[in-house]
PDB file of N, CA and C in Angstrom:
ATOM      1  N   MET A   1     145.608 131.609 131.076  1.00  0.00           N
ATOM      2  CA  MET A   1     146.659 131.950 130.556  1.00  0.00           C
ATOM      3  C   MET A   1     146.775 130.374 128.809  1.00  0.00           C
ATOM      4  N   LYS A   2     146.166 129.520 130.093  1.00  0.00           N
ATOM      5  CA  LYS A   2     145.794 128.351 128.479  1.00  0.00           C
ATOM      6  C   LYS A   2     145.170 129.637 127.288  1.00  0.00           C
ATOM      7  N   ILE A   3     144.481 130.088 127.277  1.00  0.00           N
ATOM      8  CA  ILE A   3     143.444 131.305 126.549  1.00  0.00           C
ATOM      9  C   ILE A   3     144.262 132.501 125.516  1.00  0.00           C
ATOM     10  N   LEU A   4     146.033 132.782 126.548  1.00  0.00           N
ATOM     11  CA  LEU A   4     146.686 133.289 125.738  1.00  0.00           C
ATOM     12  C   LEU A   4     147.860 132.812 125.358  1.00  0.00           C
ATOM     13  N   THR A   5     147.800 131.783 125.388  1.00  0.00           N
ATOM     14  CA  THR A   5     148.812 130.831 124.658  1.00  0.00           C
ATOM     15  C   THR A   5     148.272 130.358 123.303  1.00  0.00           C
ATOM     16  N   THR A   6     147.111 129.888 123.295  1.00  0.00           N
ATOM     17  CA  THR A   6     145.986 129.631 122.393  1.00  0.00           C
ATOM     18  C   THR A   6     146.373 131.055 121.465  1.00  0.00           C
ATOM     19  N   PHE A   7     145.716 131.932 122.063  1.00  0.00           N
ATOM     20  CA  PHE A   7     145.716 133.349 121.055  1.00  0.00           C
ATOM     21  C   PHE A   7     146.770 133.990 119.886  1.00  0.00           C
ATOM     22  N   THR A   8     147.788 133.506 121.125  1.00  0.00           N
ATOM     23  CA  THR A   8     149.068 133.567 120.757  1.00  0.00           C
ATOM     24  C   THR A   8     149.992 133.156 119.747  1.00  0.00           C
ATOM     25  N   ALA A   9     149.489 131.396 119.665  1.00  0.00           N
ATOM     26  CA  ALA A   9     149.670 130.531 118.174  1.00  0.00           C
ATOM     27  C   ALA A   9     148.773 130.878 116.930  1.00  0.00           C
ATOM     28  N   VAL A  10     147.425 130.811 117.152  1.00  0.00           N
ATOM     29  CA  VAL A  10     146.773 131.787 116.085  1.00  0.00           C
ATOM     30  C   VAL A  10     146.993 132.537 115.176  1.00  0.00           C
ATOM     31  N   ALA A  11     147.385 133.513 116.303  1.00  0.00           N
ATOM     32  CA  ALA A  11     147.962 134.627 115.491  1.00  0.00           C
ATOM     33  C   ALA A  11     149.502 134.914 114.878  1.00  0.00           C
ATOM     34  N   ALA A  12     150.033 134.054 115.394  1.00  0.00           N
ATOM     35  CA  ALA A  12     151.320 133.765 114.898  1.00  0.00           C
ATOM     36  C   ALA A  12     151.493 132.894 113.517  1.00  0.00           C
ATOM     37  N   LEU A  13     150.089 131.997 112.919  1.00  0.00           N
ATOM     38  CA  LEU A  13     150.057 130.805 112.023  1.00  0.00           C
ATOM     39  C   LEU A  13     149.772 131.925 111.258  1.00  0.00           C
ATOM     40  N   ILE A  14     148.726 132.914 111.592  1.00  0.00           N
ATOM     41  CA  ILE A  14     147.550 133.540 110.662  1.00  0.00           C
ATOM     42  C   ILE A  14     149.239 134.329 109.723  1.00  0.00           C
ATOM     43  N   ALA A  15     149.408 135.071 111.245  1.00  0.00           N
ATOM     44  CA  ALA A  15     151.353 136.248 110.378  1.00  0.00           C
ATOM     45  C   ALA A  15     151.807 134.760 109.738  1.00  0.00           C
ATOM     46  N   GLY A  16     152.185 133.948 109.539  1.00  0.00           N
ATOM     47  CA  GLY A  16     152.866 133.176 109.013  1.00  0.00           C
ATOM     48  C   GLY A  16     152.747 133.008 107.682  1.00  0.00           C
ATOM     49  N   VAL A  17     151.536 132.739 108.267  1.00  0.00           N
ATOM     50  CA  VAL A  17     150.530 132.720 106.730  1.00  0.00           C
ATOM     51  C   VAL A  17     150.511 133.946 105.636  1.00  0.00           C
ATOM     52  N   SER A  18     150.271 134.856 105.841  1.00  0.00           N
ATOM     53  CA  SER A  18     150.721 136.470 105.355  1.00  0.00           C
ATOM     54  C   SER A  18     151.938 136.055 104.890  1.00  0.00           C
ATOM     55  N   ILE A  19     153.110 136.262 105.769  1.00  0.00           N
ATOM     56  CA  ILE A  19     154.728 136.412 104.888  1.00  0.00           C
ATOM     57  C   ILE A  19     154.271 135.375 104.352  1.00  0.00           C
ATOM     58  N   ALA A  20     154.194 134.252 103.968  1.00  0.00           N
ATOM     59  CA  ALA A  20     154.218 133.568 102.776  1.00  0.00           C
ATOM     60  C   ALA A  20     153.464 133.575 101.315  1.00  0.00           C
ATOM     61  N   GLN A  21     152.639 134.210 101.765  1.00  0.00           N
ATOM     62  CA  GLN A  21     151.335 134.702 100.727  1.00  0.00           C
ATOM     63  C   GLN A  21     152.192 136.082 100.152  1.00  0.00           C
ATOM     64  N   ALA A  22     152.792 137.270 100.708  1.00  0.00           N
ATOM     65  CA  ALA A  22     153.285 137.750 100.347  1.00  0.00           C
ATOM     66  C   ALA A  22     154.641 138.050  99.516  1.00  0.00           C
ATOM     67  N   GLN A  23     155.194 136.614 100.478  1.00  0.00           N
ATOM     68  CA  GLN A  23     156.860 136.208  99.695  1.00  0.00           C
ATOM     69  C   GLN A  23     156.487 135.596  98.228  1.00  0.00           C
ATOM     70  N   GLY A  24     155.569 134.749  97.761  1.00  0.00           N
ATOM     71  CA  GLY A  24     155.281 134.176  97.201  1.00  0.00           C
ATOM     72  C   GLY A  24     154.709 135.327  95.855  1.00  0.00           C
ATOM     73  N   THR A  25     154.245 136.237  95.913  1.00  0.00           N
ATOM     74  CA  THR A  25     154.218 137.486  94.981  1.00  0.00           C
ATOM     75  C   THR A  25     154.724 138.539  94.399  1.00  0.00           C
ATOM     76  N   MET A  26     155.866 138.145  95.761  1.00  0.00           N
ATOM     77  CA  MET A  26     156.724 139.299  95.086  1.00  0.00           C
ATOM     78  C   MET A  26     158.143 139.500  93.417  1.00  0.00           C
ATOM     79  N   GLY A  27     157.959 140.261  92.614  1.00  0.00           N
ATOM     80  CA  GLY A  27     158.286 140.765  91.887  1.00  0.00           C
ATOM     81  C   GLY A  27     157.380 139.962  90.689  1.00  0.00           C
ATOM     82  N   GLN A  28     156.403 139.537  90.912  1.00  0.00           N
ATOM     83  CA  GLN A  28     155.391 139.132  89.609  1.00  0.00           C
ATOM     84  C   GLN A  28     154.904 140.254  89.439  1.00  0.00           C
ATOM     85  N   THR A  29     154.229 139.988  88.049  1.00  0.00           N
ATOM     86  CA  THR A  29     153.898 141.273  87.913  1.00  0.00           C
ATOM     87  C   THR A  29     151.903 140.418  87.360  1.00  0.00           C
ATOM     88  N   GLY A  30     150.864 141.821  86.973  1.00  0.00           N
ATOM     89  CA  GLY A  30     150.343 141.406  87.011  1.00  0.00           C
ATOM     90  C   GLY A  30     149.044 140.164  87.240  1.00  0.00           C
ATOM     91  N   GLY A  31     149.650 140.016  88.712  1.00  0.00           N
ATOM     92  CA  GLY A  31     149.224 139.015  89.697  1.00  0.00           C
ATOM     93  C   GLY A  31     148.745 137.753  89.016  1.00  0.00           C
ATOM     94  N   SER A  32     149.763 137.404  88.190  1.00  0.00           N
ATOM     95  CA  SER A  32     148.977 136.025  87.189  1.00  0.00           C
ATOM     96  C   SER A  32     150.120 135.371  87.658  1.00  0.00           C
ATOM     97  N   GLY A  33     151.394 135.416  88.252  1.00  0.00           N
ATOM     98  CA  GLY A  33     152.477 134.814  89.033  1.00  0.00           C
ATOM     99  C   GLY A  33     153.443 134.153  87.930  1.00  0.00           C
ATOM    100  N   MET A  34     153.089 134.600  86.754  1.00  0.00           N
ATOM    101  CA  MET A  34     153.823 134.857  85.348  1.00  0.00           C
ATOM    102  C   MET A  34     154.261 135.792  85.110  1.00  0.00           C
ATOM    103  N   ALA A  35     156.524 135.657  84.206  1.00  0.00           N
ATOM    104  CA  ALA A  35     156.509 136.682  83.627  1.00  0.00           C
ATOM    105  C   ALA A  35     156.081 137.717  82.797  1.00  0.00           C
ATOM    106  N   PRO A  36     156.264 138.689  82.179  1.00  0.00           N
ATOM    107  CA  PRO A  36     155.146 139.655  81.419  1.00  0.00           C
ATOM    108  C   PRO A  36     155.966 139.313  79.512  1.00  0.00           C
ATOM    109  N   LYS A  37     154.735 138.927  78.876  1.00  0.00           N
ATOM    110  CA  LYS A  37     155.085 138.038  78.106  1.00  0.00           C
ATOM    111  C   LYS A  37     155.896 139.471  76.951  1.00  0.00           C
ATOM    112  N   THR A  38     156.918 138.266  76.242  1.00  0.00           N
ATOM    113  CA  THR A  38     157.600 139.236  75.396  1.00  0.00           C
ATOM    114  C   THR A  38     157.964 138.888  74.156  1.00  0.00           C
ATOM    115  N   THR A  39     158.119 140.051  73.402  1.00  0.00           N
ATOM    116  CA  THR A  39     158.057 139.680  71.927  1.00  0.00           C
ATOM    117  C   THR A  39     159.208 139.963  71.874  1.00  0.00           C
ATOM    118  N   GLY A  40     160.402 138.878  70.893  1.00  0.00           N
ATOM    119  CA  GLY A  40     161.931 139.408  70.588  1.00  0.00           C
ATOM    120  C   GLY A  40     162.269 138.893  71.463  1.00  0.00           C
ATOM    121  N   ASN A  41     163.854 138.546  71.141  1.00  0.00           N
ATOM    122  CA  ASN A  41     164.664 138.287  71.998  1.00  0.00           C
ATOM    123  C   ASN A  41     166.380 138.925  72.017  1.00  0.00           C
ATOM    124  N   ALA A  42     166.276 140.367  72.143  1.00  0.00           N
ATOM    125  CA  ALA A  42     167.053 141.245  72.241  1.00  0.00           C
ATOM    126  C   ALA A  42     167.216 141.084  73.572  1.00  0.00           C
ATOM    127  N   ALA A  43     168.461 142.426  74.041  1.00  0.00           N
ATOM    128  CA  ALA A  43     169.124 142.569  75.685  1.00  0.00           C
ATOM    129  C   ALA A  43     167.569 142.668  75.821  1.00  0.00           C
ATOM    130  N   PHE A  44     167.636 144.249  75.971  1.00  0.00           N
ATOM    131  CA  PHE A  44     166.585 145.163  76.741  1.00  0.00           C
ATOM    132  C   PHE A  44     165.443 145.720  75.826  1.00  0.00           C
ATOM    133  N   CYS A  45     163.876 145.291  76.559  1.00  0.00           N
ATOM    134  CA  CYS A  45     163.068 145.685  76.306  1.00  0.00           C
ATOM    135  C   CYS A  45     162.367 147.126  76.564  1.00  0.00           C
ATOM    136  N   ILE A  46     160.993 146.902  75.412  1.00  0.00           N
ATOM    137  CA  ILE A  46     160.828 148.950  76.058  1.00  0.00           C
ATOM    138  C   ILE A  46     159.235 148.011  76.494  1.00  0.00           C
ATOM    139  N   ALA A  47     158.607 148.207  77.680  1.00  0.00           N
ATOM    140  CA  ALA A  47     157.062 148.150  78.244  1.00  0.00           C
ATOM    141  C   ALA A  47     156.447 148.886  77.502  1.00  0.00           C
ATOM    142  N   THR A  48     155.302 148.629  76.275  1.00  0.00           N
ATOM    143  CA  THR A  48     154.329 148.944  76.079  1.00  0.00           C
ATOM    144  C   THR A  48     152.819 149.612  76.438  1.00  0.00           C
ATOM    145  N   ALA A  49     152.974 149.023  78.135  1.00  0.00           N
ATOM    146  CA  ALA A  49     151.030 149.330  78.515  1.00  0.00           C
ATOM    147  C   ALA A  49     152.167 148.872  80.068  1.00  0.00           C
ATOM    148  N   PRO A  50     151.672 149.449  81.116  1.00  0.00           N
ATOM    149  CA  PRO A  50     152.513 148.895  82.442  1.00  0.00           C
ATOM    150  C   PRO A  50     151.260 147.937  82.680  1.00  0.00           C
ATOM    151  N   GLY A  51     152.846 146.989  82.831  1.00  0.00           N
ATOM    152  CA  GLY A  51     152.186 144.943  83.301  1.00  0.00           C
ATOM    153  C   GLY A  51     151.993 145.018  82.011  1.00  0.00           C
ATOM    154  N   GLY A  52     152.045 145.086  80.939  1.00  0.00           N
ATOM    155  CA  GLY A  52     151.975 145.181  79.840  1.00  0.00           C
ATOM    156  C   GLY A  52     153.006 143.827  78.939  1.00  0.00           C
ATOM    157  N   PRO A  53     152.883 143.678  77.250  1.00  0.00           N
ATOM    158  CA  PRO A  53     153.936 142.609  77.028  1.00  0.00           C
ATOM    159  C   PRO A  53     155.159 143.251  76.758  1.00  0.00           C
ATOM    160  N   LEU A  54     156.130 143.157  76.702  1.00  0.00           N
ATOM    161  CA  LEU A  54     157.949 144.159  76.412  1.00  0.00           C
ATOM    162  C   LEU A  54     157.909 143.467  75.344  1.00  0.00           C
ATOM    163  N   ASN A  55     158.223 144.696  74.177  1.00  0.00           N
ATOM    164  CA  ASN A  55     159.377 144.346  72.938  1.00  0.00           C
ATOM    165  C   ASN A  55     160.622 144.737  73.419  1.00  0.00           C
ATOM    166  N   CYS A  56     161.110 143.260  73.070  1.00  0.00           N
ATOM    167  CA  CYS A  56     162.681 142.796  73.436  1.00  0.00           C
ATOM    168  C   CYS A  56     163.016 143.023  71.828  1.00  0.00           C
ATOM    169  N   LYS A  57     162.923 144.063  71.825  1.00  0.00           N
ATOM    170  CA  LYS A  57     164.331 144.952  70.399  1.00  0.00           C
ATOM    171  C   LYS A  57     165.348 145.652  70.221  1.00  0.00           C
ATOM    172  N   TYR A  58     165.775 145.759  71.293  1.00  0.00           N
ATOM    173  CA  TYR A  58     167.263 146.424  71.461  1.00  0.00           C
ATOM    174  C   TYR A  58     168.267 145.630  72.100  1.00  0.00           C
ATOM    175  N   ALA A  59     169.536 145.871  71.266  1.00  0.00           N
ATOM    176  CA  ALA A  59     170.560 144.888  71.604  1.00  0.00           C
ATOM    177  C   ALA A  59     171.115 145.953  72.441  1.00  0.00           C
ATOM    178  N   SER A  60     170.832 147.486  72.846  1.00  0.00           N
ATOM    179  CA  SER A  60     171.746 147.739  73.843  1.00  0.00           C
ATOM    180  C   SER A  60     170.833 149.104  74.720  1.00  0.00           C
ATOM    181  N   LEU A  61     171.151 149.598  76.157  1.00  0.00           N
ATOM    182  CA  LEU A  61     170.360 149.978  76.842  1.00  0.00           C
ATOM    183  C   LEU A  61     170.065 150.799  76.308  1.00  0.00           C
ATOM    184  N   ALA A  62     171.205 151.887  75.939  1.00  0.00           N
ATOM    185  CA  ALA A  62     171.195 153.489  74.564  1.00  0.00           C
ATOM    186  C   ALA A  62     169.894 153.952  73.673  1.00  0.00           C
ATOM    187  N   ALA A  63     170.172 152.484  72.775  1.00  0.00           N
ATOM    188  CA  ALA A  63     169.295 152.451  71.994  1.00  0.00           C
ATOM    189  C   ALA A  63     167.805 151.984  72.076  1.00  0.00           C
ATOM    190  N   CYS A  64     167.491 151.018  73.320  1.00  0.00           N
ATOM    191  CA  CYS A  64     166.135 151.448  74.362  1.00  0.00           C
ATOM    192  C   CYS A  64     165.449 152.643  74.950  1.00  0.00           C
ATOM    193  N   GLU A  65     166.364 153.173  75.466  1.00  0.00           N
ATOM    194  CA  GLU A  65     166.406 154.483  76.194  1.00  0.00           C
ATOM    195  C   GLU A  65     165.797 155.593  75.113  1.00  0.00           C
ATOM    196  N   LYS A  66     166.780 155.868  73.945  1.00  0.00           N
ATOM    197  CA  LYS A  66     166.045 156.956  72.235  1.00  0.00           C
ATOM    198  C   LYS A  66     164.616 156.221  72.421  1.00  0.00           C
ATOM    199  N   ASP A  67     164.002 155.293  71.812  1.00  0.00           N
ATOM    200  CA  ASP A  67     163.109 155.481  71.078  1.00  0.00           C
ATOM    201  C   ASP A  67     162.431 155.130  73.025  1.00  0.00           C
ATOM    202  N   ALA A  68     162.871 155.067  73.364  1.00  0.00           N
ATOM    203  CA  ALA A  68     161.585 154.857  74.982  1.00  0.00           C
ATOM    204  C   ALA A  68     160.661 157.071  75.253  1.00  0.00           C
ATOM    205  N   LYS A  69     162.248 156.999  75.870  1.00  0.00           N
ATOM    206  CA  LYS A  69     162.254 158.389  75.407  1.00  0.00           C
ATOM    207  C   LYS A  69     161.140 159.296  74.756  1.00  0.00           C
ATOM    208  N   ALA A  70     161.178 158.580  73.701  1.00  0.00           N
ATOM    209  CA  ALA A  70     159.885 159.287  72.660  1.00  0.00           C
ATOM    210  C   ALA A  70     158.665 159.852  72.850  1.00  0.00           C
ATOM    211  N   GLN A  71     158.348 158.725  73.460  1.00  0.00           N
ATOM    212  CA  GLN A  71     157.265 157.448  73.613  1.00  0.00           C
ATOM    213  C   GLN A  71     157.080 157.444  75.034  1.00  0.00           C
ATOM    214  N   ASN A  72     157.609 158.411  75.670  1.00  0.00           N
ATOM    215  CA  ASN A  72     157.374 158.068  77.637  1.00  0.00           C
ATOM    216  C   ASN A  72     157.427 156.760  78.465  1.00  0.00           C
ATOM    217  N   LEU A  73     157.966 156.003  76.911  1.00  0.00           N
ATOM    218  CA  LEU A  73     158.422 154.941  77.693  1.00  0.00           C
ATOM    219  C   LEU A  73     159.434 154.353  78.881  1.00  0.00           C
ATOM    220  N   ASN A  74     159.488 152.819  79.214  1.00  0.00           N
ATOM    221  CA  ASN A  74     160.974 153.145  80.510  1.00  0.00           C
ATOM    222  C   ASN A  74     161.038 151.306  79.751  1.00  0.00           C
ATOM    223  N   CYS A  75     162.367 151.314  80.102  1.00  0.00           N
ATOM    224  CA  CYS A  75     163.180 150.401  79.505  1.00  0.00           C
ATOM    225  C   CYS A  75     163.333 149.253  80.363  1.00  0.00           C
ATOM    226  N   SER A  76     163.772 148.137  80.473  1.00  0.00           N
ATOM    227  CA  SER A  76     164.109 147.194  81.275  1.00  0.00           C
ATOM    228  C   SER A  76     164.786 145.676  80.011  1.00  0.00           C
ATOM    229  N   PRO A  77     165.278 145.269  80.946  1.00  0.00           N
ATOM    230  CA  PRO A  77     166.242 144.228  80.917  1.00  0.00           C
ATOM    231  C   PRO A  77     165.570 142.875  80.487  1.00  0.00           C
ATOM    232  N   ASN A  78     165.386 142.133  79.323  1.00  0.00           N
ATOM    233  CA  ASN A  78     164.726 141.304  79.117  1.00  0.00           C
ATOM    234  C   ASN A  78     164.474 140.229  80.116  1.00  0.00           C
ATOM    235  N   PRO A  79     163.355 140.190  80.558  1.00  0.00           N
ATOM    236  CA  PRO A  79     163.437 138.909  81.904  1.00  0.00           C
ATOM    237  C   PRO A  79     163.960 137.383  81.787  1.00  0.00           C
ATOM    238  N   ASN A  80     163.554 136.618  80.265  1.00  0.00           N
ATOM    239  CA  ASN A  80     163.695 135.568  79.429  1.00  0.00           C
ATOM    240  C   ASN A  80     165.639 135.820  79.050  1.00  0.00           C
ATOM    241  N   LYS A  81     166.594 136.727  79.560  1.00  0.00           N
ATOM    242  CA  LYS A  81     167.775 136.866  79.271  1.00  0.00           C
ATOM    243  C   LYS A  81     168.662 136.359  80.365  1.00  0.00           C
ATOM    244  N   SER A  82     170.249 136.116  80.610  1.00  0.00           N
ATOM    245  CA  SER A  82     170.677 135.843  82.176  1.00  0.00           C
ATOM    246  C   SER A  82     171.385 137.379  82.219  1.00  0.00           C
ATOM    247  N   THR A  83     171.422 138.378  83.412  1.00  0.00           N
ATOM    248  CA  THR A  83     171.877 139.540  83.869  1.00  0.00           C
ATOM    249  C   THR A  83     173.007 139.050  84.460  1.00  0.00           C
ATOM    250  N   THR A  84     173.874 137.565  84.477  1.00  0.00           N
ATOM    251  CA  THR A  84     174.770 137.625  85.578  1.00  0.00           C
ATOM    252  C   THR A  84     176.887 138.371  84.313  1.00  0.00           C
ATOM    253  N   GLY A  85     176.262 138.557  83.554  1.00  0.00           N
ATOM    254  CA  GLY A  85     177.210 139.190  83.034  1.00  0.00           C
ATOM    255  C   GLY A  85     178.030 137.643  82.008  1.00  0.00           C
ATOM    256  N   SER A  86     176.933 136.466  81.559  1.00  0.00           N
ATOM    257  CA  SER A  86     177.963 135.636  80.575  1.00  0.00           C
ATOM    258  C   SER A  86     177.464 136.266  79.255  1.00  0.00           C
ATOM    259  N   LYS A  87     178.397 136.173  77.984  1.00  0.00           N
ATOM    260  CA  LYS A  87     177.635 135.923  76.828  1.00  0.00           C
ATOM    261  C   LYS A  87     177.113 134.992  76.414  1.00  0.00           C
ATOM    262  N   GLN A  88     175.464 135.921  75.628  1.00  0.00           N
ATOM    263  CA  GLN A  88     174.499 135.160  75.510  1.00  0.00           C
ATOM    264  C   GLN A  88     175.013 134.257  73.959  1.00  0.00           C
TER     265      GLN A  88
END
């Protein structure tokens, strides 16, 4: 019984470490733990390459999507801007 209890405690400890590591990396790009590099400070960005720098020069999503579609790229909100709806 003591072996089973010890085994269960070790398994729980390992699982806890794995979950903590997964939670620490969620939402990050490139595995570096930092947001992608951005150029510009407008509200919307085009990702120039997967996991690469963001070109944030678009004030509206429509303008961003127009250029992104022509280049087969994707738009995203500027990670350095607030997305709470506040006027900046």
